[in-house]
Amino acid sequence: MALLITSDCINCDVCEPVCPNQAISMGPSIYQIDPQRCTECVGHFEEAQCVTVCPVACIPKDPAHVESESELLAKYQALTAATQAD
Protein backbone atom coordinates (compact mmCIF):
# COMPACT_ATOMS: atom_id res chain seq x y z
CA MET A 1 0.00 0.00 0.00
CA ALA A 2 1.42 3.34 -0.94
CA LEU A 3 1.41 6.16 1.56
CA LEU A 4 -0.53 9.40 1.36
CA ILE A 5 0.22 12.87 2.67
CA THR A 6 -2.91 14.43 4.16
CA SER A 7 -3.99 18.07 4.32
CA ASP A 8 -2.46 18.22 7.82
CA CYS A 9 0.94 18.61 6.09
CA ILE A 10 2.78 21.75 7.22
CA ASN A 11 5.28 21.75 4.32
CA CYS A 12 8.22 21.36 6.68
CA ASP A 13 10.35 19.86 3.87
CA VAL A 14 11.69 16.90 5.89
CA CYS A 15 9.97 14.06 4.03
CA GLU A 16 11.10 14.68 0.46
CA PRO A 17 14.86 14.23 0.94
CA VAL A 18 14.52 11.01 2.98
CA CYS A 19 12.47 9.15 0.35
CA PRO A 20 14.76 6.56 -1.29
CA ASN A 21 12.43 6.18 -4.28
CA GLN A 22 12.00 9.90 -5.02
CA ALA A 23 8.25 9.39 -4.64
CA ILE A 24 7.63 12.64 -2.76
CA SER A 25 7.33 16.01 -4.48
CA MET A 26 5.70 19.34 -3.84
CA GLY A 27 2.11 19.44 -5.06
CA PRO A 28 -0.07 22.49 -5.63
CA SER A 29 -0.27 23.29 -1.91
CA ILE A 30 1.31 20.42 0.07
CA TYR A 31 3.70 17.58 -0.58
CA GLN A 32 2.35 14.55 -2.41
CA ILE A 33 3.42 10.93 -2.84
CA ASP A 34 3.51 9.19 -6.22
CA PRO A 35 1.89 5.78 -5.54
CA GLN A 36 3.75 4.30 -8.53
CA ARG A 37 7.08 5.01 -6.79
CA CYS A 38 6.12 4.53 -3.11
CA THR A 39 7.17 1.19 -1.63
CA GLU A 40 6.76 2.31 2.00
CA CYS A 41 10.57 1.94 2.00
CA VAL A 42 10.27 -1.86 1.58
CA GLY A 43 13.62 -2.99 0.23
CA HIS A 44 15.40 0.02 1.69
CA PHE A 45 14.46 0.36 5.37
CA GLU A 46 12.44 -1.37 8.09
CA GLU A 47 10.14 1.65 8.43
CA ALA A 48 8.85 4.25 6.00
CA GLN A 49 11.30 7.10 6.39
CA CYS A 50 8.80 9.86 5.64
CA VAL A 51 6.53 8.59 8.41
CA THR A 52 9.49 8.43 10.80
CA VAL A 53 10.54 12.06 10.24
CA CYS A 54 7.10 13.68 9.88
CA PRO A 55 6.53 16.01 12.86
CA VAL A 56 2.72 16.12 12.46
CA ALA A 57 1.99 12.45 11.67
CA CYS A 58 0.15 13.23 8.43
CA ILE A 59 1.30 10.25 6.34
CA PRO A 60 -1.07 7.28 6.63
CA LYS A 61 -1.42 4.31 4.28
CA ASP A 62 -3.38 5.20 1.17
CA PRO A 63 -6.56 3.08 1.05
CA ALA A 64 -6.81 3.76 -2.69
CA HIS A 65 -3.53 1.92 -3.31
CA VAL A 66 -3.62 -1.34 -1.37
CA GLU A 67 -0.52 -3.50 -1.91
CA SER A 68 0.89 -6.51 -0.09
CA GLU A 69 4.44 -6.72 1.23
CA SER A 70 5.38 -8.91 -1.76
CA GLU A 71 3.86 -6.39 -4.20
CA LEU A 72 5.80 -3.57 -2.56
CA LEU A 73 9.00 -5.63 -2.80
CA ALA A 74 8.33 -6.33 -6.50
CA LYS A 75 7.81 -2.59 -7.07
CA TYR A 76 11.09 -1.88 -5.24
CA GLN A 77 12.90 -4.41 -7.43
CA ALA A 78 11.44 -2.89 -10.61
CA LEU A 79 12.37 0.64 -9.52
CA THR A 80 15.94 -0.31 -8.59
CA ALA A 81 16.39 -2.31 -11.82
CA ALA A 82 15.29 0.72 -13.83
CA THR A 83 17.72 2.93 -11.89
CA GLN A 84 20.61 0.52 -12.44
CA ALA A 85 19.86 0.36 -16.18
CA ASP A 86 20.25 4.16 -16.52
C-alpha atoms as a PDB file:
ATOM      1  CA  MET A   1       0.000   0.000   0.000  1.00  0.00           C
ATOM      2  CA  ALA A   2       1.415   3.343  -0.939  1.00  0.00           C
ATOM      3  CA  LEU A   3       1.407   6.156   1.557  1.00  0.00           C
ATOM      4  CA  LEU A   4      -0.525   9.403   1.355  1.00  0.00           C
ATOM      5  CA  ILE A   5       0.219  12.870   2.670  1.00  0.00           C
ATOM      6  CA  THR A   6      -2.910  14.434   4.159  1.00  0.00           C
ATOM      7  CA  SER A   7      -3.988  18.067   4.316  1.00  0.00           C
ATOM      8  CA  ASP A   8      -2.458  18.224   7.819  1.00  0.00           C
ATOM      9  CA  CYS A   9       0.945  18.609   6.088  1.00  0.00           C
ATOM     10  CA  ILE A  10       2.783  21.753   7.223  1.00  0.00           C
ATOM     11  CA  ASN A  11       5.284  21.751   4.318  1.00  0.00           C
ATOM     12  CA  CYS A  12       8.221  21.363   6.678  1.00  0.00           C
ATOM     13  CA  ASP A  13      10.349  19.856   3.868  1.00  0.00           C
ATOM     14  CA  VAL A  14      11.692  16.897   5.889  1.00  0.00           C
ATOM     15  CA  CYS A  15       9.969  14.056   4.032  1.00  0.00           C
ATOM     16  CA  GLU A  16      11.096  14.683   0.458  1.00  0.00           C
ATOM     17  CA  PRO A  17      14.857  14.228   0.944  1.00  0.00           C
ATOM     18  CA  VAL A  18      14.520  11.009   2.981  1.00  0.00           C
ATOM     19  CA  CYS A  19      12.472   9.145   0.352  1.00  0.00           C
ATOM     20  CA  PRO A  20      14.764   6.564  -1.286  1.00  0.00           C
ATOM     21  CA  ASN A  21      12.429   6.185  -4.282  1.00  0.00           C
ATOM     22  CA  GLN A  22      11.998   9.899  -5.022  1.00  0.00           C
ATOM     23  CA  ALA A  23       8.249   9.386  -4.643  1.00  0.00           C
ATOM     24  CA  ILE A  24       7.632  12.640  -2.760  1.00  0.00           C
ATOM     25  CA  SER A  25       7.329  16.008  -4.478  1.00  0.00           C
ATOM     26  CA  MET A  26       5.699  19.345  -3.844  1.00  0.00           C
ATOM     27  CA  GLY A  27       2.113  19.438  -5.058  1.00  0.00           C
ATOM     28  CA  PRO A  28      -0.074  22.491  -5.628  1.00  0.00           C
ATOM     29  CA  SER A  29      -0.268  23.293  -1.912  1.00  0.00           C
ATOM     30  CA  ILE A  30       1.309  20.416   0.066  1.00  0.00           C
ATOM     31  CA  TYR A  31       3.703  17.576  -0.577  1.00  0.00           C
ATOM     32  CA  GLN A  32       2.349  14.548  -2.406  1.00  0.00           C
ATOM     33  CA  ILE A  33       3.421  10.927  -2.844  1.00  0.00           C
ATOM     34  CA  ASP A  34       3.510   9.191  -6.219  1.00  0.00           C
ATOM     35  CA  PRO A  35       1.892   5.782  -5.543  1.00  0.00           C
ATOM     36  CA  GLN A  36       3.751   4.301  -8.530  1.00  0.00           C
ATOM     37  CA  ARG A  37       7.080   5.008  -6.790  1.00  0.00           C
ATOM     38  CA  CYS A  38       6.124   4.533  -3.114  1.00  0.00           C
ATOM     39  CA  THR A  39       7.166   1.187  -1.630  1.00  0.00           C
ATOM     40  CA  GLU A  40       6.762   2.309   2.000  1.00  0.00           C
ATOM     41  CA  CYS A  41      10.569   1.936   1.998  1.00  0.00           C
ATOM     42  CA  VAL A  42      10.272  -1.860   1.580  1.00  0.00           C
ATOM     43  CA  GLY A  43      13.623  -2.995   0.229  1.00  0.00           C
ATOM     44  CA  HIS A  44      15.401   0.017   1.693  1.00  0.00           C
ATOM     45  CA  PHE A  45      14.459   0.356   5.367  1.00  0.00           C
ATOM     46  CA  GLU A  46      12.444  -1.369   8.091  1.00  0.00           C
ATOM     47  CA  GLU A  47      10.138   1.647   8.431  1.00  0.00           C
ATOM     48  CA  ALA A  48       8.845   4.254   6.000  1.00  0.00           C
ATOM     49  CA  GLN A  49      11.302   7.100   6.386  1.00  0.00           C
ATOM     50  CA  CYS A  50       8.795   9.865   5.641  1.00  0.00           C
ATOM     51  CA  VAL A  51       6.530   8.590   8.412  1.00  0.00           C
ATOM     52  CA  THR A  52       9.488   8.431  10.798  1.00  0.00           C
ATOM     53  CA  VAL A  53      10.536  12.058  10.239  1.00  0.00           C
ATOM     54  CA  CYS A  54       7.098  13.677   9.878  1.00  0.00           C
ATOM     55  CA  PRO A  55       6.526  16.005  12.858  1.00  0.00           C
ATOM     56  CA  VAL A  56       2.722  16.118  12.458  1.00  0.00           C
ATOM     57  CA  ALA A  57       1.985  12.448  11.670  1.00  0.00           C
ATOM     58  CA  CYS A  58       0.146  13.228   8.434  1.00  0.00           C
ATOM     59  CA  ILE A  59       1.303  10.254   6.344  1.00  0.00           C
ATOM     60  CA  PRO A  60      -1.070   7.279   6.634  1.00  0.00           C
ATOM     61  CA  LYS A  61      -1.424   4.315   4.284  1.00  0.00           C
ATOM     62  CA  ASP A  62      -3.376   5.200   1.168  1.00  0.00           C
ATOM     63  CA  PRO A  63      -6.561   3.083   1.048  1.00  0.00           C
ATOM     64  CA  ALA A  64      -6.809   3.761  -2.692  1.00  0.00           C
ATOM     65  CA  HIS A  65      -3.527   1.923  -3.315  1.00  0.00           C
ATOM     66  CA  VAL A  66      -3.624  -1.335  -1.372  1.00  0.00           C
ATOM     67  CA  GLU A  67      -0.517  -3.502  -1.911  1.00  0.00           C
ATOM     68  CA  SER A  68       0.893  -6.512  -0.094  1.00  0.00           C
ATOM     69  CA  GLU A  69       4.437  -6.722   1.227  1.00  0.00           C
ATOM     70  CA  SER A  70       5.385  -8.906  -1.764  1.00  0.00           C
ATOM     71  CA  GLU A  71       3.857  -6.394  -4.201  1.00  0.00           C
ATOM     72  CA  LEU A  72       5.803  -3.575  -2.561  1.00  0.00           C
ATOM     73  CA  LEU A  73       8.998  -5.633  -2.802  1.00  0.00           C
ATOM     74  CA  ALA A  74       8.332  -6.332  -6.499  1.00  0.00           C
ATOM     75  CA  LYS A  75       7.812  -2.591  -7.069  1.00  0.00           C
ATOM     76  CA  TYR A  76      11.091  -1.880  -5.244  1.00  0.00           C
ATOM     77  CA  GLN A  77      12.902  -4.410  -7.434  1.00  0.00           C
ATOM     78  CA  ALA A  78      11.444  -2.890 -10.613  1.00  0.00           C
ATOM     79  CA  LEU A  79      12.372   0.636  -9.521  1.00  0.00           C
ATOM     80  CA  THR A  80      15.939  -0.315  -8.590  1.00  0.00           C
ATOM     81  CA  ALA A  81      16.391  -2.315 -11.816  1.00  0.00           C
ATOM     82  CA  ALA A  82      15.289   0.719 -13.826  1.00  0.00           C
ATOM     83  CA  THR A  83      17.722   2.930 -11.889  1.00  0.00           C
ATOM     84  CA  GLN A  84      20.608   0.524 -12.444  1.00  0.00           C
ATOM     85  CA  ALA A  85      19.864   0.360 -16.182  1.00  0.00           C
ATOM     86  CA  ASP A  86      20.248   4.161 -16.525  1.00  0.00           C
END
